[in-house]
C-alpha cells in the first residue's frame, strides 16, 4: 500500500486529467475502425483509471463515467 498526500488543487488537477483520459477512451470505443483486441486493452485501462478516479471524485461525478452496457466488458477474445 502506498500513501499520497495531496493538496485540494492537486486533487482537482488529477481529477481533470483522469476525466480527460476516460472521455478519450469512451470516444475511441465507439470508433468502428479500431480492432476488438485494441478495444479490450482500452477497456482494461479504463477500469484502472476509473478505479483511481473513484478515489478523488465525488460519487455523483463517478456516475457519469460508469460504463453501463458495453459489449467489450464481458466478451472473450
PDB file of N, CA and C in Angstrom:
ATOM      1  N   UNK A   1       0.845  -1.167   0.000  1.00  0.00           N
ATOM      2  CA  UNK A   1       0.000   0.000   0.000  1.00  0.00           C
ATOM      3  C   UNK A   1       0.890   1.230   0.000  1.00  0.00           C
ATOM      4  N   UNK A   2       0.481   2.223  -0.789  1.00  0.00           N
ATOM      5  CA  UNK A   2       1.228   3.471  -0.897  1.00  0.00           C
ATOM      6  C   UNK A   2       0.310   4.613  -0.515  1.00  0.00           C
ATOM      7  N   UNK A   3       0.797   5.498   0.315  1.00  0.00           N
ATOM      8  CA  UNK A   3       0.032   6.675   0.702  1.00  0.00           C
ATOM      9  C   UNK A   3       0.510   7.885  -0.087  1.00  0.00           C
ATOM     10  N   UNK A   4      -0.376   8.842  -0.263  1.00  0.00           N
ATOM     11  CA  UNK A   4      -0.038  10.036  -1.025  1.00  0.00           C
ATOM     12  C   UNK A   4      -0.771  11.221  -0.420  1.00  0.00           C
ATOM     13  N   UNK A   5      -0.028  12.249  -0.108  1.00  0.00           N
ATOM     14  CA  UNK A   5      -0.605  13.447   0.477  1.00  0.00           C
ATOM     15  C   UNK A   5      -0.717  14.510  -0.609  1.00  0.00           C
ATOM     16  N   UNK A   6      -1.940  14.974  -0.872  1.00  0.00           N
ATOM     17  CA  UNK A   6      -2.179  15.929  -1.945  1.00  0.00           C
ATOM     18  C   UNK A   6      -2.937  17.143  -1.434  1.00  0.00           C
ATOM     19  N   UNK A   7      -2.672  18.286  -2.047  1.00  0.00           N
ATOM     20  CA  UNK A   7      -3.472  19.469  -1.762  1.00  0.00           C
ATOM     21  C   UNK A   7      -4.773  19.368  -2.556  1.00  0.00           C
ATOM     22  N   UNK A   8      -5.738  20.204  -2.209  1.00  0.00           N
ATOM     23  CA  UNK A   8      -7.017  20.191  -2.926  1.00  0.00           C
ATOM     24  C   UNK A   8      -6.820  20.555  -4.391  1.00  0.00           C
ATOM     25  N   UNK A   9      -5.917  21.453  -4.656  1.00  0.00           N
ATOM     26  CA  UNK A   9      -5.625  21.845  -6.044  1.00  0.00           C
ATOM     27  C   UNK A   9      -5.058  20.664  -6.835  1.00  0.00           C
ATOM     28  N   UNK A  10      -4.169  19.906  -6.222  1.00  0.00           N
ATOM     29  CA  UNK A  10      -3.595  18.735  -6.883  1.00  0.00           C
ATOM     30  C   UNK A  10      -4.657  17.665  -7.136  1.00  0.00           C
ATOM     31  N   UNK A  11      -5.574  17.506  -6.204  1.00  0.00           N
ATOM     32  CA  UNK A  11      -6.666  16.547  -6.385  1.00  0.00           C
ATOM     33  C   UNK A  11      -7.521  16.946  -7.577  1.00  0.00           C
ATOM     34  N   UNK A  12      -7.837  18.234  -7.684  1.00  0.00           N
ATOM     35  CA  UNK A  12      -8.637  18.723  -8.816  1.00  0.00           C
ATOM     36  C   UNK A  12      -7.905  18.508 -10.137  1.00  0.00           C
ATOM     37  N   UNK A  13      -6.597  18.710 -10.135  1.00  0.00           N
ATOM     38  CA  UNK A  13      -5.807  18.501 -11.353  1.00  0.00           C
ATOM     39  C   UNK A  13      -5.792  17.029 -11.757  1.00  0.00           C
ATOM     40  N   UNK A  14      -5.616  16.153 -10.797  1.00  0.00           N
ATOM     41  CA  UNK A  14      -5.635  14.716 -11.079  1.00  0.00           C
ATOM     42  C   UNK A  14      -7.015  14.301 -11.583  1.00  0.00           C
ATOM     43  N   UNK A  15      -8.052  14.814 -10.957  1.00  0.00           N
ATOM     44  CA  UNK A  15      -9.416  14.523 -11.381  1.00  0.00           C
ATOM     45  C   UNK A  15      -9.635  14.959 -12.828  1.00  0.00           C
ATOM     46  N   UNK A  16      -9.162  16.146 -13.157  1.00  0.00           N
ATOM     47  CA  UNK A  16      -9.304  16.672 -14.513  1.00  0.00           C
ATOM     48  C   UNK A  16      -8.567  15.797 -15.528  1.00  0.00           C
ATOM     49  N   UNK A  17      -7.342  15.410 -15.217  1.00  0.00           N
ATOM     50  CA  UNK A  17      -6.551  14.585 -16.131  1.00  0.00           C
ATOM     51  C   UNK A  17      -7.190  13.214 -16.355  1.00  0.00           C
ATOM     52  N   UNK A  18      -7.670  12.611 -15.287  1.00  0.00           N
ATOM     53  CA  UNK A  18      -8.305  11.297 -15.414  1.00  0.00           C
ATOM     54  C   UNK A  18      -9.594  11.401 -16.216  1.00  0.00           C
ATOM     55  N   UNK A  19     -10.377  12.449 -15.984  1.00  0.00           N
ATOM     56  CA  UNK A  19     -11.625  12.637 -16.730  1.00  0.00           C
ATOM     57  C   UNK A  19     -11.346  12.789 -18.225  1.00  0.00           C
ATOM     58  N   UNK A  20     -10.316  13.521 -18.577  1.00  0.00           N
ATOM     59  CA  UNK A  20      -9.966  13.680 -19.992  1.00  0.00           C
ATOM     60  C   UNK A  20      -9.594  12.340 -20.605  1.00  0.00           C
ATOM     61  N   UNK A  21      -8.834  11.554 -19.879  1.00  0.00           N
ATOM     62  CA  UNK A  21      -8.417  10.249 -20.390  1.00  0.00           C
ATOM     63  C   UNK A  21      -9.613   9.303 -20.516  1.00  0.00           C
ATOM     64  N   UNK A  22     -10.501   9.309 -19.537  1.00  0.00           N
ATOM     65  CA  UNK A  22     -11.700   8.468 -19.601  1.00  0.00           C
ATOM     66  C   UNK A  22     -12.579   8.869 -20.783  1.00  0.00           C
ATOM     67  N   UNK A  23     -12.742  10.165 -21.002  1.00  0.00           N
ATOM     68  CA  UNK A  23     -13.527  10.641 -22.142  1.00  0.00           C
ATOM     69  C   UNK A  23     -12.915  10.198 -23.466  1.00  0.00           C
ATOM     70  N   UNK A  24     -11.611  10.269 -23.553  1.00  0.00           N
ATOM     71  CA  UNK A  24     -10.908   9.856 -24.774  1.00  0.00           C
ATOM     72  C   UNK A  24     -11.111   8.370 -25.057  1.00  0.00           C
ATOM     73  N   UNK A  25     -11.029   7.557 -24.027  1.00  0.00           N
ATOM     74  CA  UNK A  25     -11.233   6.122 -24.198  1.00  0.00           C
ATOM     75  C   UNK A  25     -12.664   5.835 -24.614  1.00  0.00           C
ATOM     76  N   UNK A  26     -13.625   6.492 -23.988  1.00  0.00           N
ATOM     77  CA  UNK A  26     -15.025   6.290 -24.363  1.00  0.00           C
ATOM     78  C   UNK A  26     -15.267   6.676 -25.819  1.00  0.00           C
ATOM     79  N   UNK A  27     -14.651   7.746 -26.259  1.00  0.00           N
ATOM     80  CA  UNK A  27     -14.787   8.167 -27.646  1.00  0.00           C
ATOM     81  C   UNK A  27     -14.194   7.124 -28.596  1.00  0.00           C
ATOM     82  N   UNK A  28     -13.014   6.623 -28.253  1.00  0.00           N
ATOM     83  CA  UNK A  28     -12.354   5.624 -29.098  1.00  0.00           C
ATOM     84  C   UNK A  28     -13.084   4.289 -29.108  1.00  0.00           C
ATOM     85  N   UNK A  29     -13.755   3.940 -28.033  1.00  0.00           N
ATOM     86  CA  UNK A  29     -14.510   2.683 -28.010  1.00  0.00           C
ATOM     87  C   UNK A  29     -15.648   2.693 -29.024  1.00  0.00           C
ATOM     88  N   UNK A  30     -16.143   3.863 -29.360  1.00  0.00           N
ATOM     89  CA  UNK A  30     -17.208   3.975 -30.344  1.00  0.00           C
ATOM     90  C   UNK A  30     -16.715   3.957 -31.784  1.00  0.00           C
ATOM     91  N   UNK A  31     -15.407   4.011 -31.969  1.00  0.00           N
ATOM     92  CA  UNK A  31     -14.826   4.027 -33.313  1.00  0.00           C
ATOM     93  C   UNK A  31     -14.764   2.600 -33.865  1.00  0.00           C
ATOM     94  N   UNK A  32     -15.471   2.362 -34.954  1.00  0.00           N
ATOM     95  CA  UNK A  32     -15.542   1.018 -35.529  1.00  0.00           C
ATOM     96  C   UNK A  32     -14.248   0.608 -36.231  1.00  0.00           C
ATOM     97  N   UNK A  33     -13.367   1.550 -36.518  1.00  0.00           N
ATOM     98  CA  UNK A  33     -12.111   1.230 -37.203  1.00  0.00           C
ATOM     99  C   UNK A  33     -11.088   0.578 -36.279  1.00  0.00           C
ATOM    100  N   UNK A  34     -11.296   0.682 -34.990  1.00  0.00           N
ATOM    101  CA  UNK A  34     -10.341   0.135 -34.023  1.00  0.00           C
ATOM    102  C   UNK A  34     -10.648  -1.340 -33.790  1.00  0.00           C
ATOM    103  N   UNK A  35      -9.609  -2.156 -33.839  1.00  0.00           N
ATOM    104  CA  UNK A  35      -9.734  -3.609 -33.691  1.00  0.00           C
ATOM    105  C   UNK A  35     -10.223  -3.993 -32.292  1.00  0.00           C
ATOM    106  N   UNK A  36     -10.929  -5.112 -32.217  1.00  0.00           N
ATOM    107  CA  UNK A  36     -11.513  -5.586 -30.959  1.00  0.00           C
ATOM    108  C   UNK A  36     -10.436  -5.846 -29.895  1.00  0.00           C
ATOM    109  N   UNK A  37      -9.280  -6.336 -30.309  1.00  0.00           N
ATOM    110  CA  UNK A  37      -8.212  -6.627 -29.348  1.00  0.00           C
ATOM    111  C   UNK A  37      -7.703  -5.332 -28.711  1.00  0.00           C
ATOM    112  N   UNK A  38      -7.581  -4.297 -29.515  1.00  0.00           N
ATOM    113  CA  UNK A  38      -7.149  -2.991 -29.005  1.00  0.00           C
ATOM    114  C   UNK A  38      -8.202  -2.433 -28.053  1.00  0.00           C
ATOM    115  N   UNK A  39      -9.466  -2.613 -28.414  1.00  0.00           N
ATOM    116  CA  UNK A  39     -10.541  -2.119 -27.555  1.00  0.00           C
ATOM    117  C   UNK A  39     -10.563  -2.845 -26.217  1.00  0.00           C
ATOM    118  N   UNK A  40     -10.216  -4.126 -26.218  1.00  0.00           N
ATOM    119  CA  UNK A  40     -10.141  -4.871 -24.956  1.00  0.00           C
ATOM    120  C   UNK A  40      -9.102  -4.248 -24.020  1.00  0.00           C
ATOM    121  N   UNK A  41      -7.944  -3.911 -24.565  1.00  0.00           N
ATOM    122  CA  UNK A  41      -6.909  -3.301 -23.728  1.00  0.00           C
ATOM    123  C   UNK A  41      -7.323  -1.897 -23.295  1.00  0.00           C
ATOM    124  N   UNK A  42      -8.081  -1.195 -24.139  1.00  0.00           N
ATOM    125  CA  UNK A  42      -8.588   0.123 -23.764  1.00  0.00           C
ATOM    126  C   UNK A  42      -9.564   0.007 -22.598  1.00  0.00           C
ATOM    127  N   UNK A  43     -10.386  -1.028 -22.607  1.00  0.00           N
ATOM    128  CA  UNK A  43     -11.338  -1.241 -21.511  1.00  0.00           C
ATOM    129  C   UNK A  43     -10.589  -1.545 -20.216  1.00  0.00           C
ATOM    130  N   UNK A  44      -9.519  -2.315 -20.299  1.00  0.00           N
ATOM    131  CA  UNK A  44      -8.722  -2.609 -19.104  1.00  0.00           C
ATOM    132  C   UNK A  44      -8.104  -1.321 -18.548  1.00  0.00           C
ATOM    133  N   UNK A  45      -7.606  -0.486 -19.428  1.00  0.00           N
ATOM    134  CA  UNK A  45      -7.052   0.803 -18.991  1.00  0.00           C
ATOM    135  C   UNK A  45      -8.155   1.666 -18.377  1.00  0.00           C
ATOM    136  N   UNK A  46      -9.335   1.638 -18.983  1.00  0.00           N
ATOM    137  CA  UNK A  46     -10.472   2.397 -18.467  1.00  0.00           C
ATOM    138  C   UNK A  46     -10.802   1.959 -17.043  1.00  0.00           C
ATOM    139  N   UNK A  47     -10.812   0.652 -16.823  1.00  0.00           N
ATOM    140  CA  UNK A  47     -11.117   0.132 -15.487  1.00  0.00           C
ATOM    141  C   UNK A  47     -10.096   0.627 -14.456  1.00  0.00           C
ATOM    142  N   UNK A  48      -8.812   0.607 -14.828  1.00  0.00           N
ATOM    143  CA  UNK A  48      -7.765   1.074 -13.921  1.00  0.00           C
ATOM    144  C   UNK A  48      -7.907   2.562 -13.623  1.00  0.00           C
ATOM    145  N   UNK A  49      -8.138   3.345 -14.670  1.00  0.00           N
ATOM    146  CA  UNK A  49      -8.300   4.786 -14.480  1.00  0.00           C
ATOM    147  C   UNK A  49      -9.546   5.108 -13.664  1.00  0.00           C
ATOM    148  N   UNK A  50     -10.623   4.374 -13.922  1.00  0.00           N
ATOM    149  CA  UNK A  50     -11.857   4.620 -13.169  1.00  0.00           C
ATOM    150  C   UNK A  50     -11.662   4.289 -11.694  1.00  0.00           C
ATOM    151  N   UNK A  51     -10.887   3.262 -11.421  1.00  0.00           N
ATOM    152  CA  UNK A  51     -10.579   2.914 -10.035  1.00  0.00           C
ATOM    153  C   UNK A  51      -9.851   4.069  -9.331  1.00  0.00           C
ATOM    154  N   UNK A  52      -8.912   4.693 -10.030  1.00  0.00           N
ATOM    155  CA  UNK A  52      -8.226   5.866  -9.476  1.00  0.00           C
ATOM    156  C   UNK A  52      -9.178   7.046  -9.341  1.00  0.00           C
ATOM    157  N   UNK A  53     -10.019   7.209 -10.335  1.00  0.00           N
ATOM    158  CA  UNK A  53     -10.970   8.325 -10.346  1.00  0.00           C
ATOM    159  C   UNK A  53     -11.920   8.256  -9.158  1.00  0.00           C
ATOM    160  N   UNK A  54     -12.341   7.059  -8.797  1.00  0.00           N
ATOM    161  CA  UNK A  54     -13.245   6.898  -7.660  1.00  0.00           C
ATOM    162  C   UNK A  54     -12.631   7.388  -6.362  1.00  0.00           C
ATOM    163  N   UNK A  55     -11.315   7.405  -6.281  1.00  0.00           N
ATOM    164  CA  UNK A  55     -10.636   7.831  -5.063  1.00  0.00           C
ATOM    165  C   UNK A  55     -10.590   9.350  -4.900  1.00  0.00           C
ATOM    166  N   UNK A  56     -10.696  10.077  -6.029  1.00  0.00           N
ATOM    167  CA  UNK A  56     -10.570  11.537  -5.937  1.00  0.00           C
ATOM    168  C   UNK A  56     -11.862  12.277  -6.268  1.00  0.00           C
ATOM    169  N   UNK A  57     -12.810  11.623  -6.923  1.00  0.00           N
ATOM    170  CA  UNK A  57     -14.030  12.307  -7.366  1.00  0.00           C
ATOM    171  C   UNK A  57     -15.211  11.983  -6.454  1.00  0.00           C
ATOM    172  N   UNK A  58     -16.216  12.816  -6.550  1.00  0.00           N
ATOM    173  CA  UNK A  58     -17.435  12.591  -5.775  1.00  0.00           C
ATOM    174  C   UNK A  58     -18.241  11.452  -6.410  1.00  0.00           C
ATOM    175  N   UNK A  59     -19.079  10.792  -5.632  1.00  0.00           N
ATOM    176  CA  UNK A  59     -19.912   9.710  -6.201  1.00  0.00           C
ATOM    177  C   UNK A  59     -20.778  10.191  -7.371  1.00  0.00           C
ATOM    178  N   UNK A  60     -21.274  11.417  -7.274  1.00  0.00           N
ATOM    179  CA  UNK A  60     -22.097  11.970  -8.363  1.00  0.00           C
ATOM    180  C   UNK A  60     -21.279  12.078  -9.649  1.00  0.00           C
ATOM    181  N   UNK A  61     -20.046  12.531  -9.527  1.00  0.00           N
ATOM    182  CA  UNK A  61     -19.163  12.657 -10.681  1.00  0.00           C
ATOM    183  C   UNK A  61     -18.807  11.284 -11.253  1.00  0.00           C
ATOM    184  N   UNK A  62     -18.632  10.307 -10.390  1.00  0.00           N
ATOM    185  CA  UNK A  62     -18.300   8.947 -10.838  1.00  0.00           C
ATOM    186  C   UNK A  62     -19.439   8.327 -11.644  1.00  0.00           C
ATOM    187  N   UNK A  63     -20.654   8.669 -11.308  1.00  0.00           N
ATOM    188  CA  UNK A  63     -21.809   8.108 -12.012  1.00  0.00           C
ATOM    189  C   UNK A  63     -21.775   8.444 -13.503  1.00  0.00           C
ATOM    190  N   UNK A  64     -21.183   9.571 -13.857  1.00  0.00           N
ATOM    191  CA  UNK A  64     -21.105   9.977 -15.259  1.00  0.00           C
ATOM    192  C   UNK A  64     -20.168   9.099 -16.074  1.00  0.00           C
ATOM    193  N   UNK A  65     -19.284   8.360 -15.416  1.00  0.00           N
ATOM    194  CA  UNK A  65     -18.266   7.586 -16.125  1.00  0.00           C
ATOM    195  C   UNK A  65     -18.431   6.079 -15.977  1.00  0.00           C
ATOM    196  N   UNK A  66     -19.546   5.636 -15.443  1.00  0.00           N
ATOM    197  CA  UNK A  66     -19.807   4.205 -15.340  1.00  0.00           C
ATOM    198  C   UNK A  66     -20.252   3.704 -16.703  1.00  0.00           C
ATOM    199  N   UNK A  67     -19.590   2.651 -17.186  1.00  0.00           N
ATOM    200  CA  UNK A  67     -19.991   2.040 -18.454  1.00  0.00           C
ATOM    201  C   UNK A  67     -21.113   1.072 -18.135  1.00  0.00           C
ATOM    202  N   UNK A  68     -22.289   1.352 -18.660  1.00  0.00           N
ATOM    203  CA  UNK A  68     -23.452   0.526 -18.337  1.00  0.00           C
ATOM    204  C   UNK A  68     -23.569  -0.694 -19.240  1.00  0.00           C
ATOM    205  N   UNK A  69     -23.618  -0.468 -20.538  1.00  0.00           N
ATOM    206  CA  UNK A  69     -23.866  -1.571 -21.464  1.00  0.00           C
ATOM    207  C   UNK A  69     -22.829  -1.529 -22.575  1.00  0.00           C
ATOM    208  N   UNK A  70     -21.660  -2.078 -22.308  1.00  0.00           N
ATOM    209  CA  UNK A  70     -20.613  -2.075 -23.294  1.00  0.00           C
ATOM    210  C   UNK A  70     -20.228  -3.502 -23.632  1.00  0.00           C
ATOM    211  N   UNK A  71     -20.281  -3.836 -24.892  1.00  0.00           N
ATOM    212  CA  UNK A  71     -20.024  -5.212 -25.311  1.00  0.00           C
ATOM    213  C   UNK A  71     -18.574  -5.636 -25.087  1.00  0.00           C
ATOM    214  N   UNK A  72     -17.660  -4.685 -24.857  1.00  0.00           N
ATOM    215  CA  UNK A  72     -16.255  -5.024 -24.673  1.00  0.00           C
ATOM    216  C   UNK A  72     -15.930  -5.432 -23.249  1.00  0.00           C
ATOM    217  N   UNK A  73     -16.838  -5.212 -22.317  1.00  0.00           N
ATOM    218  CA  UNK A  73     -16.563  -5.545 -20.921  1.00  0.00           C
ATOM    219  C   UNK A  73     -16.621  -7.040 -20.654  1.00  0.00           C
ATOM    220  N   UNK A  74     -17.511  -7.749 -21.318  1.00  0.00           N
ATOM    221  CA  UNK A  74     -17.730  -9.156 -20.991  1.00  0.00           C
ATOM    222  C   UNK A  74     -17.328 -10.131 -22.090  1.00  0.00           C
ATOM    223  N   UNK A  75     -17.004  -9.635 -23.279  1.00  0.00           N
ATOM    224  CA  UNK A  75     -16.659 -10.546 -24.379  1.00  0.00           C
ATOM    225  C   UNK A  75     -15.314 -11.202 -24.135  1.00  0.00           C
ATOM    226  N   UNK A  76     -15.195 -12.403 -24.636  1.00  0.00           N
ATOM    227  CA  UNK A  76     -13.912 -13.104 -24.618  1.00  0.00           C
ATOM    228  C   UNK A  76     -13.311 -13.012 -26.004  1.00  0.00           C
ATOM    229  N   UNK A  77     -11.998 -12.864 -26.067  1.00  0.00           N
ATOM    230  CA  UNK A  77     -11.323 -12.781 -27.369  1.00  0.00           C
ATOM    231  C   UNK A  77     -11.184 -14.170 -27.968  1.00  0.00           C
TER     232      UNK A  77
END
